[in-house]
PDB file of N, CA and C in Angstrom:
ATOM      1  N   MET A   1      16.315  24.992  16.514  1.00  0.00           N
ATOM      2  CA  MET A   1      15.166  24.153  16.809  1.00  0.00           C
ATOM      3  C   MET A   1      15.614  22.821  17.412  1.00  0.00           C
ATOM      4  N   ALA A   2      16.603  22.184  16.800  1.00  0.00           N
ATOM      5  CA  ALA A   2      17.089  20.897  17.307  1.00  0.00           C
ATOM      6  C   ALA A   2      17.704  21.052  18.694  1.00  0.00           C
ATOM      7  N   GLU A   3      18.377  22.198  18.926  1.00  0.00           N
ATOM      8  CA  GLU A   3      18.983  22.430  20.240  1.00  0.00           C
ATOM      9  C   GLU A   3      17.911  22.537  21.316  1.00  0.00           C
ATOM     10  N   LYS A   4      16.811  23.217  20.994  1.00  0.00           N
ATOM     11  CA  LYS A   4      15.714  23.344  21.957  1.00  0.00           C
ATOM     12  C   LYS A   4      15.129  21.972  22.271  1.00  0.00           C
ATOM     13  N   MET A   5      14.985  21.162  21.246  1.00  0.00           N
ATOM     14  CA  MET A   5      14.449  19.813  21.440  1.00  0.00           C
ATOM     15  C   MET A   5      15.400  19.002  22.316  1.00  0.00           C
ATOM     16  N   TYR A   6      16.692  19.105  22.040  1.00  0.00           N
ATOM     17  CA  TYR A   6      17.688  18.376  22.828  1.00  0.00           C
ATOM     18  C   TYR A   6      17.666  18.838  24.284  1.00  0.00           C
ATOM     19  N   ASP A   7      17.601  20.157  24.489  1.00  0.00           N
ATOM     20  CA  ASP A   7      17.539  20.703  25.848  1.00  0.00           C
ATOM     21  C   ASP A   7      16.303  20.198  26.579  1.00  0.00           C
ATOM     22  N   ARG A   8      15.194  20.161  25.872  1.00  0.00           N
ATOM     23  CA  ARG A   8      13.950  19.708  26.481  1.00  0.00           C
ATOM     24  C   ARG A   8      14.050  18.227  26.878  1.00  0.00           C
ATOM     25  N   ILE A   9      14.650  17.424  26.012  1.00  0.00           N
ATOM     26  CA  ILE A   9      14.810  15.995  26.314  1.00  0.00           C
ATOM     27  C   ILE A   9      15.734  15.807  27.516  1.00  0.00           C
ATOM     28  N   CYS A  10      16.847  16.527  27.519  1.00  0.00           N
ATOM     29  CA  CYS A  10      17.822  16.375  28.602  1.00  0.00           C
ATOM     30  C   CYS A  10      17.283  16.866  29.938  1.00  0.00           C
ATOM     31  N   SER A  11      16.399  17.840  29.908  1.00  0.00           N
ATOM     32  CA  SER A  11      15.881  18.384  31.157  1.00  0.00           C
ATOM     33  C   SER A  11      14.737  17.548  31.729  1.00  0.00           C
ATOM     34  N   ARG A  12      14.234  16.614  30.957  1.00  0.00           N
ATOM     35  CA  ARG A  12      13.154  15.758  31.470  1.00  0.00           C
ATOM     36  C   ARG A  12      13.705  14.838  32.547  1.00  0.00           C
ATOM     37  N   SER A  13      12.883  14.547  33.506  1.00  0.00           N
ATOM     38  CA  SER A  13      13.320  13.699  34.620  1.00  0.00           C
ATOM     39  C   SER A  13      13.552  12.250  34.191  1.00  0.00           C
ATOM     40  N   ASP A  14      12.858  11.809  33.140  1.00  0.00           N
ATOM     41  CA  ASP A  14      13.038  10.415  32.702  1.00  0.00           C
ATOM     42  C   ASP A  14      14.126  10.280  31.641  1.00  0.00           C
ATOM     43  N   GLY A  15      14.834  11.360  31.370  1.00  0.00           N
ATOM     44  CA  GLY A  15      15.963  11.301  30.438  1.00  0.00           C
ATOM     45  C   GLY A  15      15.566  11.044  28.998  1.00  0.00           C
ATOM     46  N   GLY A  16      14.359  11.363  28.625  1.00  0.00           N
ATOM     47  CA  GLY A  16      13.929  11.198  27.240  1.00  0.00           C
ATOM     48  C   GLY A  16      13.426   9.799  26.911  1.00  0.00           C
ATOM     49  N   LYS A  17      13.278   8.959  27.904  1.00  0.00           N
ATOM     50  CA  LYS A  17      12.815   7.586  27.647  1.00  0.00           C
ATOM     51  C   LYS A  17      11.401   7.577  27.078  1.00  0.00           C
ATOM     52  N   ARG A  18      10.591   8.501  27.558  1.00  0.00           N
ATOM     53  CA  ARG A  18       9.209   8.560  27.063  1.00  0.00           C
ATOM     54  C   ARG A  18       9.192   8.885  25.574  1.00  0.00           C
ATOM     55  N   LEU A  19      10.029   9.841  25.173  1.00  0.00           N
ATOM     56  CA  LEU A  19      10.100  10.213  23.758  1.00  0.00           C
ATOM     57  C   LEU A  19      10.613   9.039  22.923  1.00  0.00           C
ATOM     58  N   ALA A  20      11.617   8.346  23.427  1.00  0.00           N
ATOM     59  CA  ALA A  20      12.169   7.199  22.702  1.00  0.00           C
ATOM     60  C   ALA A  20      11.112   6.110  22.532  1.00  0.00           C
ATOM     61  N   LYS A  21      10.327   5.869  23.576  1.00  0.00           N
ATOM     62  CA  LYS A  21       9.259   4.873  23.478  1.00  0.00           C
ATOM     63  C   LYS A  21       8.231   5.289  22.439  1.00  0.00           C
ATOM     64  N   ARG A  22       7.891   6.573  22.433  1.00  0.00           N
ATOM     65  CA  ARG A  22       6.914   7.085  21.466  1.00  0.00           C
ATOM     66  C   ARG A  22       7.444   6.927  20.041  1.00  0.00           C
ATOM     67  N   GLN A  23       8.721   7.244  19.835  1.00  0.00           N
ATOM     68  CA  GLN A  23       9.317   7.111  18.502  1.00  0.00           C
ATOM     69  C   GLN A  23       9.318   5.650  18.060  1.00  0.00           C
ATOM     70  N   ASN A  24       9.653   4.746  18.964  1.00  0.00           N
ATOM     71  CA  ASN A  24       9.636   3.315  18.632  1.00  0.00           C
ATOM     72  C   ASN A  24       8.230   2.857  18.267  1.00  0.00           C
ATOM     73  N   TYR A  25       7.251   3.342  19.014  1.00  0.00           N
ATOM     74  CA  TYR A  25       5.855   2.992  18.731  1.00  0.00           C
ATOM     75  C   TYR A  25       5.455   3.479  17.337  1.00  0.00           C
ATOM     76  N   LEU A  26       5.797   4.733  17.025  1.00  0.00           N
ATOM     77  CA  LEU A  26       5.429   5.291  15.722  1.00  0.00           C
ATOM     78  C   LEU A  26       6.136   4.565  14.582  1.00  0.00           C
ATOM     79  N   LEU A  27       7.393   4.200  14.783  1.00  0.00           N
ATOM     80  CA  LEU A  27       8.112   3.444  13.752  1.00  0.00           C
ATOM     81  C   LEU A  27       7.472   2.075  13.532  1.00  0.00           C
ATOM     82  N   ALA A  28       7.052   1.439  14.611  1.00  0.00           N
ATOM     83  CA  ALA A  28       6.390   0.135  14.494  1.00  0.00           C
ATOM     84  C   ALA A  28       5.061   0.275  13.756  1.00  0.00           C
ATOM     85  N   GLN A  29       4.313   1.332  14.063  1.00  0.00           N
ATOM     86  CA  GLN A  29       3.043   1.570  13.377  1.00  0.00           C
ATOM     87  C   GLN A  29       3.279   1.833  11.894  1.00  0.00           C
ATOM     88  N   ASN A  30       4.332   2.588  11.582  1.00  0.00           N
ATOM     89  CA  ASN A  30       4.668   2.876  10.190  1.00  0.00           C
ATOM     90  C   ASN A  30       4.983   1.582   9.437  1.00  0.00           C
ATOM     91  N   ASP A  31       5.761   0.701  10.057  1.00  0.00           N
ATOM     92  CA  ASP A  31       6.082  -0.590   9.436  1.00  0.00           C
ATOM     93  C   ASP A  31       4.819  -1.409   9.190  1.00  0.00           C
ATOM     94  N   LEU A  32       3.919  -1.396  10.158  1.00  0.00           N
ATOM     95  CA  LEU A  32       2.665  -2.140  10.030  1.00  0.00           C
ATOM     96  C   LEU A  32       1.828  -1.601   8.872  1.00  0.00           C
ATOM     97  N   ILE A  33       1.741  -0.283   8.764  1.00  0.00           N
ATOM     98  CA  ILE A  33       0.966   0.340   7.685  1.00  0.00           C
ATOM     99  C   ILE A  33       1.583   0.014   6.331  1.00  0.00           C
ATOM    100  N   GLU A  34       2.916   0.090   6.228  1.00  0.00           N
ATOM    101  CA  GLU A  34       3.584  -0.238   4.968  1.00  0.00           C
ATOM    102  C   GLU A  34       3.320  -1.694   4.576  1.00  0.00           C
ATOM    103  N   GLU A  35       3.320  -2.588   5.554  1.00  0.00           N
ATOM    104  CA  GLU A  35       3.045  -4.002   5.289  1.00  0.00           C
ATOM    105  C   GLU A  35       1.611  -4.195   4.794  1.00  0.00           C
ATOM    106  N   GLN A  36       0.667  -3.472   5.392  1.00  0.00           N
ATOM    107  CA  GLN A  36      -0.729  -3.572   4.973  1.00  0.00           C
ATOM    108  C   GLN A  36      -0.915  -3.033   3.554  1.00  0.00           C
ATOM    109  N   ILE A  37      -0.237  -1.937   3.229  1.00  0.00           N
ATOM    110  CA  ILE A  37      -0.316  -1.375   1.873  1.00  0.00           C
ATOM    111  C   ILE A  37       0.234  -2.378   0.861  1.00  0.00           C
ATOM    112  N   LEU A  38       1.366  -2.984   1.180  1.00  0.00           N
ATOM    113  CA  LEU A  38       1.960  -3.983   0.288  1.00  0.00           C
ATOM    114  C   LEU A  38       1.013  -5.159   0.080  1.00  0.00           C
ATOM    115  N   GLN A  39       0.349  -5.599   1.141  1.00  0.00           N
ATOM    116  CA  GLN A  39      -0.605  -6.707   1.033  1.00  0.00           C
ATOM    117  C   GLN A  39      -1.780  -6.332   0.131  1.00  0.00           C
ATOM    118  N   ILE A  40      -2.290  -5.110   0.282  1.00  0.00           N
ATOM    119  CA  ILE A  40      -3.406  -4.646  -0.550  1.00  0.00           C
ATOM    120  C   ILE A  40      -2.988  -4.584  -2.009  1.00  0.00           C
ATOM    121  N   GLU A  41      -1.788  -4.033  -2.281  1.00  0.00           N
ATOM    122  CA  GLU A  41      -1.308  -3.955  -3.664  1.00  0.00           C
ATOM    123  C   GLU A  41      -1.118  -5.348  -4.257  1.00  0.00           C
ATOM    124  N   THR A  42      -0.621  -6.284  -3.458  1.00  0.00           N
ATOM    125  CA  THR A  42      -0.441  -7.662  -3.930  1.00  0.00           C
ATOM    126  C   THR A  42      -1.788  -8.298  -4.254  1.00  0.00           C
ATOM    127  N   ASP A  43      -2.750  -8.115  -3.359  1.00  0.00           N
ATOM    128  CA  ASP A  43      -4.092  -8.664  -3.597  1.00  0.00           C
ATOM    129  C   ASP A  43      -4.705  -8.091  -4.866  1.00  0.00           C
ATOM    130  N   ARG A  44      -4.548  -6.803  -5.081  1.00  0.00           N
ATOM    131  CA  ARG A  44      -5.089  -6.174  -6.297  1.00  0.00           C
ATOM    132  C   ARG A  44      -4.424  -6.735  -7.539  1.00  0.00           C
ATOM    133  N   ALA A  45      -3.104  -6.907  -7.486  1.00  0.00           N
ATOM    134  CA  ALA A  45      -2.378  -7.436  -8.643  1.00  0.00           C
ATOM    135  C   ALA A  45      -2.807  -8.870  -8.946  1.00  0.00           C
ATOM    136  N   LEU A  46      -3.042  -9.660  -7.906  1.00  0.00           N
ATOM    137  CA  LEU A  46      -3.456 -11.050  -8.115  1.00  0.00           C
ATOM    138  C   LEU A  46      -4.872 -11.161  -8.662  1.00  0.00           C
ATOM    139  N   HIS A  47      -5.704 -10.176  -8.387  1.00  0.00           N
ATOM    140  CA  HIS A  47      -7.094 -10.227  -8.834  1.00  0.00           C
ATOM    141  C   HIS A  47      -7.332  -9.440 -10.117  1.00  0.00           C
ATOM    142  N   SER A  48      -6.280  -8.877 -10.722  1.00  0.00           N
ATOM    143  CA  SER A  48      -6.420  -8.163 -11.989  1.00  0.00           C
ATOM    144  C   SER A  48      -6.519  -9.160 -13.128  1.00  0.00           C
ATOM    145  N   VAL A  49      -7.383  -8.879 -14.063  1.00  0.00           N
ATOM    146  CA  VAL A  49      -7.529  -9.744 -15.228  1.00  0.00           C
ATOM    147  C   VAL A  49      -7.628  -8.850 -16.457  1.00  0.00           C
ATOM    148  N   PRO A  50      -6.965  -9.217 -17.550  1.00  0.00           N
ATOM    149  CA  PRO A  50      -7.111  -8.403 -18.758  1.00  0.00           C
ATOM    150  C   PRO A  50      -8.561  -8.404 -19.231  1.00  0.00           C
ATOM    151  N   LEU A  51      -8.980  -7.291 -19.816  1.00  0.00           N
ATOM    152  CA  LEU A  51     -10.344  -7.140 -20.315  1.00  0.00           C
ATOM    153  C   LEU A  51     -10.658  -8.217 -21.351  1.00  0.00           C
ATOM    154  N   LEU A  52      -9.678  -8.571 -22.189  1.00  0.00           N
ATOM    155  CA  LEU A  52      -9.873  -9.601 -23.209  1.00  0.00           C
ATOM    156  C   LEU A  52     -10.247 -10.936 -22.564  1.00  0.00           C
ATOM    157  N   GLU A  53      -9.561 -11.309 -21.507  1.00  0.00           N
ATOM    158  CA  GLU A  53      -9.881 -12.565 -20.832  1.00  0.00           C
ATOM    159  C   GLU A  53     -11.274 -12.515 -20.228  1.00  0.00           C
ATOM    160  N   GLN A  54     -11.659 -11.362 -19.698  1.00  0.00           N
ATOM    161  CA  GLN A  54     -12.990 -11.235 -19.116  1.00  0.00           C
ATOM    162  C   GLN A  54     -14.053 -11.425 -20.188  1.00  0.00           C
ATOM    163  N   ALA A  55     -13.862 -10.819 -21.361  1.00  0.00           N
ATOM    164  CA  ALA A  55     -14.844 -10.930 -22.433  1.00  0.00           C
ATOM    165  C   ALA A  55     -14.968 -12.383 -22.885  1.00  0.00           C
ATOM    166  N   THR A  56     -13.847 -13.084 -23.002  1.00  0.00           N
ATOM    167  CA  THR A  56     -13.864 -14.482 -23.404  1.00  0.00           C
ATOM    168  C   THR A  56     -14.534 -15.340 -22.337  1.00  0.00           C
ATOM    169  N   ASP A  57     -14.223 -15.072 -21.091  1.00  0.00           N
ATOM    170  CA  ASP A  57     -14.819 -15.841 -19.995  1.00  0.00           C
ATOM    171  C   ASP A  57     -16.328 -15.644 -19.916  1.00  0.00           C
ATOM    172  N   LEU A  58     -16.801 -14.501 -20.358  1.00  0.00           N
ATOM    173  CA  LEU A  58     -18.230 -14.227 -20.303  1.00  0.00           C
ATOM    174  C   LEU A  58     -18.977 -14.862 -21.473  1.00  0.00           C
ATOM    175  N   GLY A  59     -18.257 -15.612 -22.325  1.00  0.00           N
ATOM    176  CA  GLY A  59     -18.898 -16.314 -23.426  1.00  0.00           C
ATOM    177  C   GLY A  59     -19.203 -15.421 -24.614  1.00  0.00           C
ATOM    178  N   GLN A  60     -18.452 -14.336 -24.776  1.00  0.00           N
ATOM    179  CA  GLN A  60     -18.706 -13.435 -25.891  1.00  0.00           C
ATOM    180  C   GLN A  60     -17.975 -13.889 -27.152  1.00  0.00           C
ATOM    181  N   GLY A  61     -17.181 -14.924 -27.044  1.00  0.00           N
ATOM    182  CA  GLY A  61     -16.542 -15.577 -28.183  1.00  0.00           C
ATOM    183  C   GLY A  61     -15.887 -14.662 -29.190  1.00  0.00           C
ATOM    184  N   ASP A  62     -16.433 -14.634 -30.453  1.00  0.00           N
ATOM    185  CA  ASP A  62     -15.844 -13.864 -31.546  1.00  0.00           C
ATOM    186  C   ASP A  62     -15.842 -12.368 -31.267  1.00  0.00           C
ATOM    187  N   LYS A  63     -16.808 -11.906 -30.527  1.00  0.00           N
ATOM    188  CA  LYS A  63     -16.872 -10.480 -30.217  1.00  0.00           C
ATOM    189  C   LYS A  63     -15.602 -10.045 -29.478  1.00  0.00           C
ATOM    190  N   ALA A  64     -15.031 -10.934 -28.674  1.00  0.00           N
ATOM    191  CA  ALA A  64     -13.824 -10.616 -27.921  1.00  0.00           C
ATOM    192  C   ALA A  64     -12.622 -10.442 -28.834  1.00  0.00           C
ATOM    193  N   LYS A  65     -12.708 -10.967 -30.075  1.00  0.00           N
ATOM    194  CA  LYS A  65     -11.585 -10.862 -31.000  1.00  0.00           C
ATOM    195  C   LYS A  65     -11.631  -9.592 -31.839  1.00  0.00           C
ATOM    196  N   SER A  66     -12.680  -8.810 -31.748  1.00  0.00           N
ATOM    197  CA  SER A  66     -12.761  -7.575 -32.524  1.00  0.00           C
ATOM    198  C   SER A  66     -11.709  -6.589 -32.027  1.00  0.00           C
ATOM    199  N   PRO A  67     -11.266  -5.651 -32.905  1.00  0.00           N
ATOM    200  CA  PRO A  67     -10.221  -4.695 -32.515  1.00  0.00           C
ATOM    201  C   PRO A  67     -10.567  -3.906 -31.249  1.00  0.00           C
ATOM    202  N   VAL A  68     -11.845  -3.639 -31.058  1.00  0.00           N
ATOM    203  CA  VAL A  68     -12.249  -2.872 -29.881  1.00  0.00           C
ATOM    204  C   VAL A  68     -11.962  -3.660 -28.611  1.00  0.00           C
ATOM    205  N   HIS A  69     -12.183  -4.968 -28.647  1.00  0.00           N
ATOM    206  CA  HIS A  69     -12.051  -5.788 -27.448  1.00  0.00           C
ATOM    207  C   HIS A  69     -10.650  -6.370 -27.254  1.00  0.00           C
ATOM    208  N   THR A  70      -9.771  -6.263 -28.270  1.00  0.00           N
ATOM    209  CA  THR A  70      -8.444  -6.854 -28.111  1.00  0.00           C
ATOM    210  C   THR A  70      -7.469  -5.922 -27.408  1.00  0.00           C
ATOM    211  N   LYS A  71      -7.831  -4.673 -27.241  1.00  0.00           N
ATOM    212  CA  LYS A  71      -6.967  -3.754 -26.505  1.00  0.00           C
ATOM    213  C   LYS A  71      -6.919  -4.233 -25.055  1.00  0.00           C
ATOM    214  N   LEU A  72      -5.711  -4.434 -24.537  1.00  0.00           N
ATOM    215  CA  LEU A  72      -5.580  -4.929 -23.171  1.00  0.00           C
ATOM    216  C   LEU A  72      -5.685  -3.778 -22.178  1.00  0.00           C
ATOM    217  N   CYS A  73      -6.763  -3.757 -21.466  1.00  0.00           N
ATOM    218  CA  CYS A  73      -6.952  -2.792 -20.392  1.00  0.00           C
ATOM    219  C   CYS A  73      -7.055  -3.595 -19.114  1.00  0.00           C
ATOM    220  N   TRP A  74      -6.209  -3.299 -18.172  1.00  0.00           N
ATOM    221  CA  TRP A  74      -6.248  -4.028 -16.912  1.00  0.00           C
ATOM    222  C   TRP A  74      -7.327  -3.437 -16.033  1.00  0.00           C
ATOM    223  N   VAL A  75      -8.151  -4.307 -15.526  1.00  0.00           N
ATOM    224  CA  VAL A  75      -9.208  -3.879 -14.611  1.00  0.00           C
ATOM    225  C   VAL A  75      -9.107  -4.721 -13.354  1.00  0.00           C
ATOM    226  N   THR A  76      -9.581  -4.160 -12.285  1.00  0.00           N
ATOM    227  CA  THR A  76      -9.564  -4.918 -11.034  1.00  0.00           C
ATOM    228  C   THR A  76     -10.967  -5.378 -10.738  1.00  0.00           C
ATOM    229  N   SER A  77     -11.058  -6.621 -10.349  1.00  0.00           N
ATOM    230  CA  SER A  77     -12.382  -7.155 -10.038  1.00  0.00           C
ATOM    231  C   SER A  77     -12.732  -6.845  -8.605  1.00  0.00           C
TER     232      SER A  77
END
């Protein structure tokens, strides 16, 4: 399979430059997508708040201290 691909590249009149440009483009797009995913994950992590803090912030006071509400469950806002 690789030999056929190599033969096809070598037989092209542009010497495979078109394929190289396409590969560079795809690698650049891949880098861009990975960067966007990292940014989304960072944003989610920065906006996560423990459930206990949310209950306290909502003015539920003592209710937030009950065993049911003290379990830390991370939620995303």
